[in-house]
Amino acid sequence: MEIVTKIAPIALALIMLGLGLGLTKQDFTRVIKTPKDFLLGLVSQLIILPIVAFILIKFLGTSPEIALGVMIIAAAPGGITSNILTKFANGDVALSISLTAIISILSIITVPLIVFNSADLIGISFESEDINITSTALKMALVVAVPVFIGMIIRNFADNFISSRTSIINKITGFLFLIVFIAIWIEERDNIFNYLAQAGLVVLNLNIVMMAIAYFLAKKFASGIKQVKCISLECGLQNGTLAIFVATEISNEIVYMIPTAAYALIMYITGFIFIWILRKSL
């Protein structure tokens, strides 16, 4: 657990810096010009996704610790992976970037609110009074919002240099998450399969059900098929490193991270299957 606790904040900060390097002012002003698709994605991810997760953990009788871990990954914003797979699916990449960027910044407020209120409903209390919504939000601001804004400032002064290296930045961020993921497996190799057995069913259901809900909502209300693809994938591909960071901040128990580890394995598989289905049916 010690390795993960040390690596997660650094990896997350670098990943969010990478996100900031890829952003421009247009990614924020775009939502004002075309708000409908953005608001649909925002509501799907910030409201419907956590509600679906909570219903599933109750319906499946998930243990409290695993249940809270599920709520942590459900509260996490979409990751850069969602932007990459949206491009691969020929979806609205610009919308995907806007959703990832803005929801990531909002996550310093939304994630602590969702996680701590879920903990109360599940019946989990934390050992220290220092672990609360405010302290978690402040820590998230340091490793999420600040690196994003620093990345945007760098992009503003070195636009051509950064633009030509976007693919390299994306590969580095993916590698950073892989390091955190491997660290979890190394530290908990004796218990990992037991934890995955407990978390696998609920996170698989969460991933499939939420992408399906987002797909049908977007098909009814979104502007077009590119937006449908984007919103569906954005709701099925979460920022695992951020979820792991939050888990390390609220507890030293690895069990809270296991749903994220299981979700990370599943979301890539279901994501590509989902894209294959879309290509066959649309």
C-alpha atoms as a PDB file:
ATOM      1  CA  MET A   1       0.000   0.000   0.000  1.00  0.00           C
ATOM      2  CA  GLU A   2       2.947   2.300   0.704  1.00  0.00           C
ATOM      3  CA  ILE A   3       4.106   2.244  -2.926  1.00  0.00           C
ATOM      4  CA  VAL A   4       0.641   3.069  -4.280  1.00  0.00           C
ATOM      5  CA  THR A   5       0.140   5.873  -1.741  1.00  0.00           C
ATOM      6  CA  LYS A   6       3.369   7.523  -2.883  1.00  0.00           C
ATOM      7  CA  ILE A   7       2.939   6.943  -6.618  1.00  0.00           C
ATOM      8  CA  ALA A   8      -0.760   7.802  -7.055  1.00  0.00           C
ATOM      9  CA  PRO A   9      -0.607  11.588  -6.333  1.00  0.00           C
ATOM     10  CA  ILE A  10       2.454  12.061  -8.566  1.00  0.00           C
ATOM     11  CA  ALA A  11       0.984   9.975 -11.399  1.00  0.00           C
ATOM     12  CA  LEU A  12      -2.374  11.767 -11.172  1.00  0.00           C
ATOM     13  CA  ALA A  13      -0.766  15.220 -11.182  1.00  0.00           C
ATOM     14  CA  LEU A  14       1.267  14.320 -14.291  1.00  0.00           C
ATOM     15  CA  ILE A  15      -1.787  12.855 -16.024  1.00  0.00           C
ATOM     16  CA  MET A  16      -3.796  16.007 -15.307  1.00  0.00           C
ATOM     17  CA  LEU A  17      -0.865  18.111 -16.529  1.00  0.00           C
ATOM     18  CA  GLY A  18      -1.036  16.085 -19.748  1.00  0.00           C
ATOM     19  CA  LEU A  19      -4.764  16.792 -19.976  1.00  0.00           C
ATOM     20  CA  GLY A  20      -4.115  20.518 -19.543  1.00  0.00           C
ATOM     21  CA  LEU A  21      -1.449  20.475 -22.249  1.00  0.00           C
ATOM     22  CA  GLY A  22      -4.075  19.205 -24.672  1.00  0.00           C
ATOM     23  CA  LEU A  23      -6.652  21.904 -23.887  1.00  0.00           C
ATOM     24  CA  THR A  24      -7.399  25.219 -25.551  1.00  0.00           C
ATOM     25  CA  LYS A  25      -9.892  27.986 -24.783  1.00  0.00           C
ATOM     26  CA  GLN A  26     -12.164  26.552 -27.469  1.00  0.00           C
ATOM     27  CA  ASP A  27     -12.662  23.405 -25.387  1.00  0.00           C
ATOM     28  CA  PHE A  28     -14.420  25.563 -22.796  1.00  0.00           C
ATOM     29  CA  THR A  29     -16.192  28.097 -25.019  1.00  0.00           C
ATOM     30  CA  ARG A  30     -17.566  25.278 -27.196  1.00  0.00           C
ATOM     31  CA  VAL A  31     -20.005  24.224 -24.463  1.00  0.00           C
ATOM     32  CA  ILE A  32     -21.579  27.683 -24.475  1.00  0.00           C
ATOM     33  CA  LYS A  33     -22.140  27.575 -28.229  1.00  0.00           C
ATOM     34  CA  THR A  34     -23.551  24.006 -28.254  1.00  0.00           C
ATOM     35  CA  PRO A  35     -24.759  23.343 -24.696  1.00  0.00           C
ATOM     36  CA  LYS A  36     -27.285  20.540 -25.295  1.00  0.00           C
ATOM     37  CA  ASP A  37     -24.838  17.700 -25.940  1.00  0.00           C
ATOM     38  CA  PHE A  38     -22.492  18.868 -23.205  1.00  0.00           C
ATOM     39  CA  LEU A  39     -25.279  19.095 -20.594  1.00  0.00           C
ATOM     40  CA  LEU A  40     -26.518  15.631 -21.577  1.00  0.00           C
ATOM     41  CA  GLY A  41     -23.028  14.210 -21.036  1.00  0.00           C
ATOM     42  CA  LEU A  42     -22.613  16.149 -17.796  1.00  0.00           C
ATOM     43  CA  VAL A  43     -25.909  14.920 -16.311  1.00  0.00           C
ATOM     44  CA  SER A  44     -25.239  11.351 -17.451  1.00  0.00           C
ATOM     45  CA  GLN A  45     -21.835  11.273 -15.805  1.00  0.00           C
ATOM     46  CA  LEU A  46     -22.303  13.344 -12.653  1.00  0.00           C
ATOM     47  CA  ILE A  47     -25.849  12.317 -11.707  1.00  0.00           C
ATOM     48  CA  ILE A  48     -27.057   9.184 -13.499  1.00  0.00           C
ATOM     49  CA  LEU A  49     -23.782   7.207 -13.213  1.00  0.00           C
ATOM     50  CA  PRO A  50     -23.512   7.468  -9.384  1.00  0.00           C
ATOM     51  CA  ILE A  51     -27.238   6.689  -9.013  1.00  0.00           C
ATOM     52  CA  VAL A  52     -26.900   3.579 -11.192  1.00  0.00           C
ATOM     53  CA  ALA A  53     -23.819   2.524  -9.181  1.00  0.00           C
ATOM     54  CA  PHE A  54     -25.661   2.925  -5.876  1.00  0.00           C
ATOM     55  CA  ILE A  55     -28.676   0.949  -7.118  1.00  0.00           C
ATOM     56  CA  LEU A  56     -26.385  -1.876  -8.282  1.00  0.00           C
ATOM     57  CA  ILE A  57     -24.410  -2.167  -5.026  1.00  0.00           C
ATOM     58  CA  LYS A  58     -27.686  -2.377  -3.103  1.00  0.00           C
ATOM     59  CA  PHE A  59     -29.311  -4.808  -5.531  1.00  0.00           C
ATOM     60  CA  LEU A  60     -26.262  -7.116  -5.599  1.00  0.00           C
ATOM     61  CA  GLY A  61     -25.694  -6.925  -1.829  1.00  0.00           C
ATOM     62  CA  THR A  62     -22.110  -5.725  -2.228  1.00  0.00           C
ATOM     63  CA  SER A  63     -19.975  -5.564   0.938  1.00  0.00           C
ATOM     64  CA  PRO A  64     -19.615  -2.003   2.341  1.00  0.00           C
ATOM     65  CA  GLU A  65     -15.908  -1.632   1.500  1.00  0.00           C
ATOM     66  CA  ILE A  66     -16.262  -2.870  -2.073  1.00  0.00           C
ATOM     67  CA  ALA A  67     -19.446  -0.793  -2.415  1.00  0.00           C
ATOM     68  CA  LEU A  68     -17.634   2.405  -1.472  1.00  0.00           C
ATOM     69  CA  GLY A  69     -14.850   1.542  -3.916  1.00  0.00           C
ATOM     70  CA  VAL A  70     -17.500   1.216  -6.629  1.00  0.00           C
ATOM     71  CA  MET A  71     -18.905   4.632  -5.717  1.00  0.00           C
ATOM     72  CA  ILE A  72     -15.401   6.119  -5.956  1.00  0.00           C
ATOM     73  CA  ILE A  73     -14.895   4.914  -9.534  1.00  0.00           C
ATOM     74  CA  ALA A  74     -18.479   5.938 -10.394  1.00  0.00           C
ATOM     75  CA  ALA A  75     -17.765   9.457  -9.108  1.00  0.00           C
ATOM     76  CA  ALA A  76     -14.536   9.775 -11.117  1.00  0.00           C
ATOM     77  CA  PRO A  77     -14.607  11.832 -14.327  1.00  0.00           C
ATOM     78  CA  GLY A  78     -13.829  10.390 -17.717  1.00  0.00           C
ATOM     79  CA  GLY A  79     -10.155   9.913 -18.478  1.00  0.00           C
ATOM     80  CA  ILE A  80      -8.012  10.761 -21.481  1.00  0.00           C
ATOM     81  CA  THR A  81      -8.676   7.203 -22.684  1.00  0.00           C
ATOM     82  CA  SER A  82     -12.262   8.210 -23.439  1.00  0.00           C
ATOM     83  CA  ASN A  83     -10.953  10.892 -25.820  1.00  0.00           C
ATOM     84  CA  ILE A  84      -8.751   8.346 -27.607  1.00  0.00           C
ATOM     85  CA  LEU A  85     -11.498   5.721 -27.963  1.00  0.00           C
ATOM     86  CA  THR A  86     -13.995   8.374 -29.079  1.00  0.00           C
ATOM     87  CA  LYS A  87     -11.583   9.245 -31.895  1.00  0.00           C
ATOM     88  CA  PHE A  88     -11.187   5.544 -32.712  1.00  0.00           C
ATOM     89  CA  ALA A  89     -14.998   5.209 -32.829  1.00  0.00           C
ATOM     90  CA  ASN A  90     -15.278   8.244 -35.123  1.00  0.00           C
ATOM     91  CA  GLY A  91     -17.218  10.102 -32.431  1.00  0.00           C
ATOM     92  CA  ASP A  92     -17.229  13.772 -31.441  1.00  0.00           C
ATOM     93  CA  VAL A  93     -13.692  14.146 -30.069  1.00  0.00           C
ATOM     94  CA  ALA A  94     -14.105  17.864 -29.360  1.00  0.00           C
ATOM     95  CA  LEU A  95     -17.138  17.156 -27.165  1.00  0.00           C
ATOM     96  CA  SER A  96     -15.266  14.323 -25.436  1.00  0.00           C
ATOM     97  CA  ILE A  97     -12.340  16.628 -24.602  1.00  0.00           C
ATOM     98  CA  SER A  98     -14.698  19.322 -23.278  1.00  0.00           C
ATOM     99  CA  LEU A  99     -16.546  16.815 -21.077  1.00  0.00           C
ATOM    100  CA  THR A 100     -13.311  15.306 -19.737  1.00  0.00           C
ATOM    101  CA  ALA A 101     -11.764  18.710 -19.029  1.00  0.00           C
ATOM    102  CA  ILE A 102     -14.705  20.417 -17.342  1.00  0.00           C
ATOM    103  CA  ILE A 103     -15.912  17.400 -15.355  1.00  0.00           C
ATOM    104  CA  SER A 104     -12.316  16.791 -14.209  1.00  0.00           C
ATOM    105  CA  ILE A 105     -12.138  20.328 -12.819  1.00  0.00           C
ATOM    106  CA  LEU A 106     -15.601  19.999 -11.245  1.00  0.00           C
ATOM    107  CA  SER A 107     -14.509  16.686  -9.710  1.00  0.00           C
ATOM    108  CA  ILE A 108     -12.655  18.472  -6.905  1.00  0.00           C
ATOM    109  CA  ILE A 109     -16.148  19.245  -5.579  1.00  0.00           C
ATOM    110  CA  THR A 110     -18.328  16.474  -6.996  1.00  0.00           C
ATOM    111  CA  VAL A 111     -16.129  13.487  -6.100  1.00  0.00           C
ATOM    112  CA  PRO A 112     -15.837  14.274  -2.344  1.00  0.00           C
ATOM    113  CA  LEU A 113     -19.571  15.023  -2.169  1.00  0.00           C
ATOM    114  CA  ILE A 114     -20.538  11.752  -3.857  1.00  0.00           C
ATOM    115  CA  VAL A 115     -17.996   9.611  -1.988  1.00  0.00           C
ATOM    116  CA  PHE A 116     -18.633  10.915   1.529  1.00  0.00           C
ATOM    117  CA  ASN A 117     -22.418  10.960   1.164  1.00  0.00           C
ATOM    118  CA  SER A 118     -22.251   7.423  -0.214  1.00  0.00           C
ATOM    119  CA  ALA A 119     -20.123   6.361   2.762  1.00  0.00           C
ATOM    120  CA  ASP A 120     -22.819   7.691   5.118  1.00  0.00           C
ATOM    121  CA  LEU A 121     -25.561   5.824   3.239  1.00  0.00           C
ATOM    122  CA  ILE A 122     -23.520   2.607   3.110  1.00  0.00           C
ATOM    123  CA  GLY A 123     -22.641   2.878   6.809  1.00  0.00           C
ATOM    124  CA  ILE A 124     -18.884   3.452   6.617  1.00  0.00           C
ATOM    125  CA  SER A 125     -17.188   5.859   9.008  1.00  0.00           C
ATOM    126  CA  PHE A 126     -13.582   7.009   8.731  1.00  0.00           C
ATOM    127  CA  GLU A 127     -11.007   6.673  11.505  1.00  0.00           C
ATOM    128  CA  SER A 128      -9.778  10.260  11.480  1.00  0.00           C
ATOM    129  CA  GLU A 129     -11.815  13.463  11.630  1.00  0.00           C
ATOM    130  CA  ASP A 130      -9.261  14.936   9.205  1.00  0.00           C
ATOM    131  CA  ILE A 131     -10.741  12.743   6.475  1.00  0.00           C
ATOM    132  CA  ASN A 132     -13.680  14.826   5.277  1.00  0.00           C
ATOM    133  CA  ILE A 133     -15.174  16.521   2.227  1.00  0.00           C
ATOM    134  CA  THR A 134     -13.191  19.744   2.631  1.00  0.00           C
ATOM    135  CA  SER A 135      -9.752  18.183   3.119  1.00  0.00           C
ATOM    136  CA  THR A 136     -10.275  15.760   0.243  1.00  0.00           C
ATOM    137  CA  ALA A 137     -11.455  18.573  -2.038  1.00  0.00           C
ATOM    138  CA  LEU A 138      -8.383  20.670  -1.208  1.00  0.00           C
ATOM    139  CA  LYS A 139      -6.008  17.783  -1.890  1.00  0.00           C
ATOM    140  CA  MET A 140      -7.787  17.048  -5.167  1.00  0.00           C
ATOM    141  CA  ALA A 141      -7.491  20.704  -6.170  1.00  0.00           C
ATOM    142  CA  LEU A 142      -3.711  20.465  -5.776  1.00  0.00           C
ATOM    143  CA  VAL A 143      -3.286  17.338  -7.877  1.00  0.00           C
ATOM    144  CA  VAL A 144      -6.168  17.811 -10.344  1.00  0.00           C
ATOM    145  CA  ALA A 145      -7.089  21.456 -10.988  1.00  0.00           C
ATOM    146  CA  VAL A 146      -3.669  23.065 -10.497  1.00  0.00           C
ATOM    147  CA  PRO A 147      -1.815  20.756 -12.970  1.00  0.00           C
ATOM    148  CA  VAL A 148      -4.603  21.227 -15.546  1.00  0.00           C
ATOM    149  CA  PHE A 149      -4.265  25.016 -15.377  1.00  0.00           C
ATOM    150  CA  ILE A 150      -0.455  24.803 -15.486  1.00  0.00           C
ATOM    151  CA  GLY A 151      -0.729  22.605 -18.580  1.00  0.00           C
ATOM    152  CA  MET A 152      -3.062  25.115 -20.230  1.00  0.00           C
ATOM    153  CA  ILE A 153      -0.646  27.963 -19.501  1.00  0.00           C
ATOM    154  CA  ILE A 154       2.259  25.992 -21.024  1.00  0.00           C
ATOM    155  CA  ARG A 155       0.090  25.172 -24.067  1.00  0.00           C
ATOM    156  CA  ASN A 156      -0.733  28.868 -24.482  1.00  0.00           C
ATOM    157  CA  PHE A 157       2.963  29.809 -24.713  1.00  0.00           C
ATOM    158  CA  ALA A 158       4.149  26.775 -26.687  1.00  0.00           C
ATOM    159  CA  ASP A 159       1.145  25.804 -28.787  1.00  0.00           C
ATOM    160  CA  ASN A 160       2.974  24.519 -31.868  1.00  0.00           C
ATOM    161  CA  PHE A 161       5.463  22.490 -29.833  1.00  0.00           C
ATOM    162  CA  ILE A 162       2.757  20.847 -27.702  1.00  0.00           C
ATOM    163  CA  SER A 163       0.330  20.270 -30.595  1.00  0.00           C
ATOM    164  CA  SER A 164       2.919  18.240 -32.478  1.00  0.00           C
ATOM    165  CA  ARG A 165       3.503  15.992 -29.479  1.00  0.00           C
ATOM    166  CA  THR A 166      -0.087  15.188 -28.426  1.00  0.00           C
ATOM    167  CA  SER A 167       0.217  11.460 -29.201  1.00  0.00           C
ATOM    168  CA  ILE A 168       3.391  11.202 -27.103  1.00  0.00           C
ATOM    169  CA  ILE A 169       1.668  12.933 -24.172  1.00  0.00           C
ATOM    170  CA  ASN A 170      -1.279  10.509 -24.414  1.00  0.00           C
ATOM    171  CA  LYS A 171       1.084   7.512 -24.392  1.00  0.00           C
ATOM    172  CA  ILE A 172       2.902   8.855 -21.315  1.00  0.00           C
ATOM    173  CA  THR A 173      -0.361   9.342 -19.391  1.00  0.00           C
ATOM    174  CA  GLY A 174      -1.448   5.805 -20.249  1.00  0.00           C
ATOM    175  CA  PHE A 175       1.914   4.484 -19.052  1.00  0.00           C
ATOM    176  CA  LEU A 176       1.567   6.365 -15.746  1.00  0.00           C
ATOM    177  CA  PHE A 177      -1.777   4.700 -15.022  1.00  0.00           C
ATOM    178  CA  LEU A 178      -0.228   1.332 -15.891  1.00  0.00           C
ATOM    179  CA  ILE A 179       2.485   1.928 -13.256  1.00  0.00           C
ATOM    180  CA  VAL A 180      -0.129   2.603 -10.550  1.00  0.00           C
ATOM    181  CA  PHE A 181      -2.159  -0.403 -11.666  1.00  0.00           C
ATOM    182  CA  ILE A 182       0.891  -2.719 -11.533  1.00  0.00           C
ATOM    183  CA  ALA A 183       1.838  -1.358  -8.084  1.00  0.00           C
ATOM    184  CA  ILE A 184      -1.577  -2.413  -6.722  1.00  0.00           C
ATOM    185  CA  TRP A 185      -1.158  -5.910  -8.121  1.00  0.00           C
ATOM    186  CA  ILE A 186       2.361  -6.265  -6.702  1.00  0.00           C
ATOM    187  CA  GLU A 187       1.471  -5.047  -3.207  1.00  0.00           C
ATOM    188  CA  GLU A 188      -1.714  -7.130  -2.911  1.00  0.00           C
ATOM    189  CA  ARG A 189      -0.847 -10.143  -5.041  1.00  0.00           C
ATOM    190  CA  ASP A 190      -1.957 -12.551  -2.264  1.00  0.00           C
ATOM    191  CA  ASN A 191      -5.451 -11.027  -1.983  1.00  0.00           C
ATOM    192  CA  ILE A 192      -6.057  -9.515  -5.401  1.00  0.00           C
ATOM    193  CA  PHE A 193      -8.028 -12.396  -6.919  1.00  0.00           C
ATOM    194  CA  ASN A 194     -10.300 -12.637  -3.894  1.00  0.00           C
ATOM    195  CA  TYR A 195     -11.014  -8.908  -4.125  1.00  0.00           C
ATOM    196  CA  LEU A 196     -11.579  -9.090  -7.890  1.00  0.00           C
ATOM    197  CA  ALA A 197     -14.046 -11.934  -7.382  1.00  0.00           C
ATOM    198  CA  GLN A 198     -15.998  -9.670  -5.024  1.00  0.00           C
ATOM    199  CA  ALA A 199     -15.857  -6.569  -7.228  1.00  0.00           C
ATOM    200  CA  GLY A 200     -15.908  -8.024 -10.742  1.00  0.00           C
ATOM    201  CA  LEU A 201     -19.645  -8.639 -11.092  1.00  0.00           C
ATOM    202  CA  VAL A 202     -20.775  -5.241  -9.841  1.00  0.00           C
ATOM    203  CA  VAL A 203     -18.276  -3.197 -11.889  1.00  0.00           C
ATOM    204  CA  LEU A 204     -19.003  -5.250 -15.036  1.00  0.00           C
ATOM    205  CA  ASN A 205     -22.717  -4.558 -14.593  1.00  0.00           C
ATOM    206  CA  LEU A 206     -22.044  -0.902 -13.853  1.00  0.00           C
ATOM    207  CA  ASN A 207     -19.929  -0.469 -16.974  1.00  0.00           C
ATOM    208  CA  ILE A 208     -22.334  -2.213 -19.360  1.00  0.00           C
ATOM    209  CA  VAL A 209     -25.547  -0.796 -17.878  1.00  0.00           C
ATOM    210  CA  MET A 210     -24.227   2.767 -17.805  1.00  0.00           C
ATOM    211  CA  MET A 211     -22.930   2.715 -21.366  1.00  0.00           C
ATOM    212  CA  ALA A 212     -26.288   1.316 -22.493  1.00  0.00           C
ATOM    213  CA  ILE A 213     -28.248   3.991 -20.598  1.00  0.00           C
ATOM    214  CA  ALA A 214     -25.993   6.745 -21.943  1.00  0.00           C
ATOM    215  CA  TYR A 215     -26.355   5.349 -25.465  1.00  0.00           C
ATOM    216  CA  PHE A 216     -30.166   5.333 -25.423  1.00  0.00           C
ATOM    217  CA  LEU A 217     -30.393   8.743 -23.747  1.00  0.00           C
ATOM    218  CA  ALA A 218     -27.951  10.228 -26.240  1.00  0.00           C
ATOM    219  CA  LYS A 219     -29.708   8.565 -29.174  1.00  0.00           C
ATOM    220  CA  LYS A 220     -32.935  10.265 -28.116  1.00  0.00           C
ATOM    221  CA  PHE A 221     -31.602  13.698 -27.131  1.00  0.00           C
ATOM    222  CA  ALA A 222     -28.133  14.260 -28.658  1.00  0.00           C
ATOM    223  CA  SER A 223     -27.465  16.167 -31.885  1.00  0.00           C
ATOM    224  CA  GLY A 224     -26.170  13.247 -33.940  1.00  0.00           C
ATOM    225  CA  ILE A 225     -24.475   9.853 -34.023  1.00  0.00           C
ATOM    226  CA  LYS A 226     -20.990  11.263 -33.336  1.00  0.00           C
ATOM    227  CA  GLN A 227     -22.305  12.768 -30.100  1.00  0.00           C
ATOM    228  CA  VAL A 228     -24.045   9.484 -29.210  1.00  0.00           C
ATOM    229  CA  LYS A 229     -20.732   7.623 -29.485  1.00  0.00           C
ATOM    230  CA  CYS A 230     -18.908  10.263 -27.440  1.00  0.00           C
ATOM    231  CA  ILE A 231     -21.386  10.424 -24.544  1.00  0.00           C
ATOM    232  CA  SER A 232     -21.689   6.629 -24.346  1.00  0.00           C
ATOM    233  CA  LEU A 233     -17.921   6.116 -24.152  1.00  0.00           C
ATOM    234  CA  GLU A 234     -17.427   9.049 -21.776  1.00  0.00           C
ATOM    235  CA  CYS A 235     -19.775   7.334 -19.313  1.00  0.00           C
ATOM    236  CA  GLY A 236     -17.967   4.000 -19.582  1.00  0.00           C
ATOM    237  CA  LEU A 237     -14.304   5.041 -19.375  1.00  0.00           C
ATOM    238  CA  GLN A 238     -13.372   6.634 -16.059  1.00  0.00           C
ATOM    239  CA  ASN A 239     -10.167   8.195 -14.711  1.00  0.00           C
ATOM    240  CA  GLY A 240      -8.824   5.231 -12.735  1.00  0.00           C
ATOM    241  CA  THR A 241      -5.772   7.065 -11.393  1.00  0.00           C
ATOM    242  CA  LEU A 242      -7.988   9.757  -9.866  1.00  0.00           C
ATOM    243  CA  ALA A 243     -10.172   7.082  -8.263  1.00  0.00           C
ATOM    244  CA  ILE A 244      -7.105   5.364  -6.795  1.00  0.00           C
ATOM    245  CA  PHE A 245      -5.824   8.681  -5.454  1.00  0.00           C
ATOM    246  CA  VAL A 246      -9.152   9.339  -3.693  1.00  0.00           C
ATOM    247  CA  ALA A 247      -9.119   5.815  -2.258  1.00  0.00           C
ATOM    248  CA  THR A 248      -5.620   6.330  -0.823  1.00  0.00           C
ATOM    249  CA  GLU A 249      -6.695   9.630   0.733  1.00  0.00           C
ATOM    250  CA  ILE A 250      -9.656   8.205   2.648  1.00  0.00           C
ATOM    251  CA  SER A 251      -8.129   4.930   3.848  1.00  0.00           C
ATOM    252  CA  ASN A 252      -5.008   2.779   3.992  1.00  0.00           C
ATOM    253  CA  GLU A 253      -7.074  -0.273   3.041  1.00  0.00           C
ATOM    254  CA  ILE A 254      -6.368  -1.627  -0.445  1.00  0.00           C
ATOM    255  CA  VAL A 255      -9.919  -2.997  -0.687  1.00  0.00           C
ATOM    256  CA  TYR A 256     -11.257   0.454  -1.636  1.00  0.00           C
ATOM    257  CA  MET A 257      -9.026   0.440  -4.734  1.00  0.00           C
ATOM    258  CA  ILE A 258     -10.014  -3.010  -5.980  1.00  0.00           C
ATOM    259  CA  PRO A 259     -13.190  -1.947  -7.827  1.00  0.00           C
ATOM    260  CA  THR A 260     -11.082   0.570  -9.765  1.00  0.00           C
ATOM    261  CA  ALA A 261      -8.529  -2.133 -10.654  1.00  0.00           C
ATOM    262  CA  ALA A 262     -11.346  -4.436 -11.795  1.00  0.00           C
ATOM    263  CA  TYR A 263     -13.088  -1.621 -13.675  1.00  0.00           C
ATOM    264  CA  ALA A 264      -9.849  -0.690 -15.460  1.00  0.00           C
ATOM    265  CA  LEU A 265      -9.521  -4.246 -16.766  1.00  0.00           C
ATOM    266  CA  ILE A 266     -13.131  -4.399 -17.878  1.00  0.00           C
ATOM    267  CA  MET A 267     -13.656  -0.939 -19.397  1.00  0.00           C
ATOM    268  CA  TYR A 268     -11.115  -1.382 -22.199  1.00  0.00           C
ATOM    269  CA  ILE A 269     -12.621  -4.709 -23.230  1.00  0.00           C
ATOM    270  CA  THR A 270     -16.233  -3.493 -23.112  1.00  0.00           C
ATOM    271  CA  GLY A 271     -15.204  -0.189 -24.720  1.00  0.00           C
ATOM    272  CA  PHE A 272     -13.771  -1.901 -27.806  1.00  0.00           C
ATOM    273  CA  ILE A 273     -16.718  -4.332 -27.967  1.00  0.00           C
ATOM    274  CA  PHE A 274     -19.072  -1.358 -27.766  1.00  0.00           C
ATOM    275  CA  ILE A 275     -17.236   0.378 -30.628  1.00  0.00           C
ATOM    276  CA  TRP A 276     -17.388  -2.831 -32.704  1.00  0.00           C
ATOM    277  CA  ILE A 277     -21.156  -3.082 -32.108  1.00  0.00           C
ATOM    278  CA  LEU A 278     -21.617   0.567 -33.076  1.00  0.00           C
ATOM    279  CA  ARG A 279     -19.670   0.084 -36.297  1.00  0.00           C
ATOM    280  CA  LYS A 280     -21.799  -2.932 -37.190  1.00  0.00           C
ATOM    281  CA  SER A 281     -25.158  -1.363 -36.336  1.00  0.00           C
ATOM    282  CA  LEU A 282     -24.751   2.294 -37.379  1.00  0.00           C
END
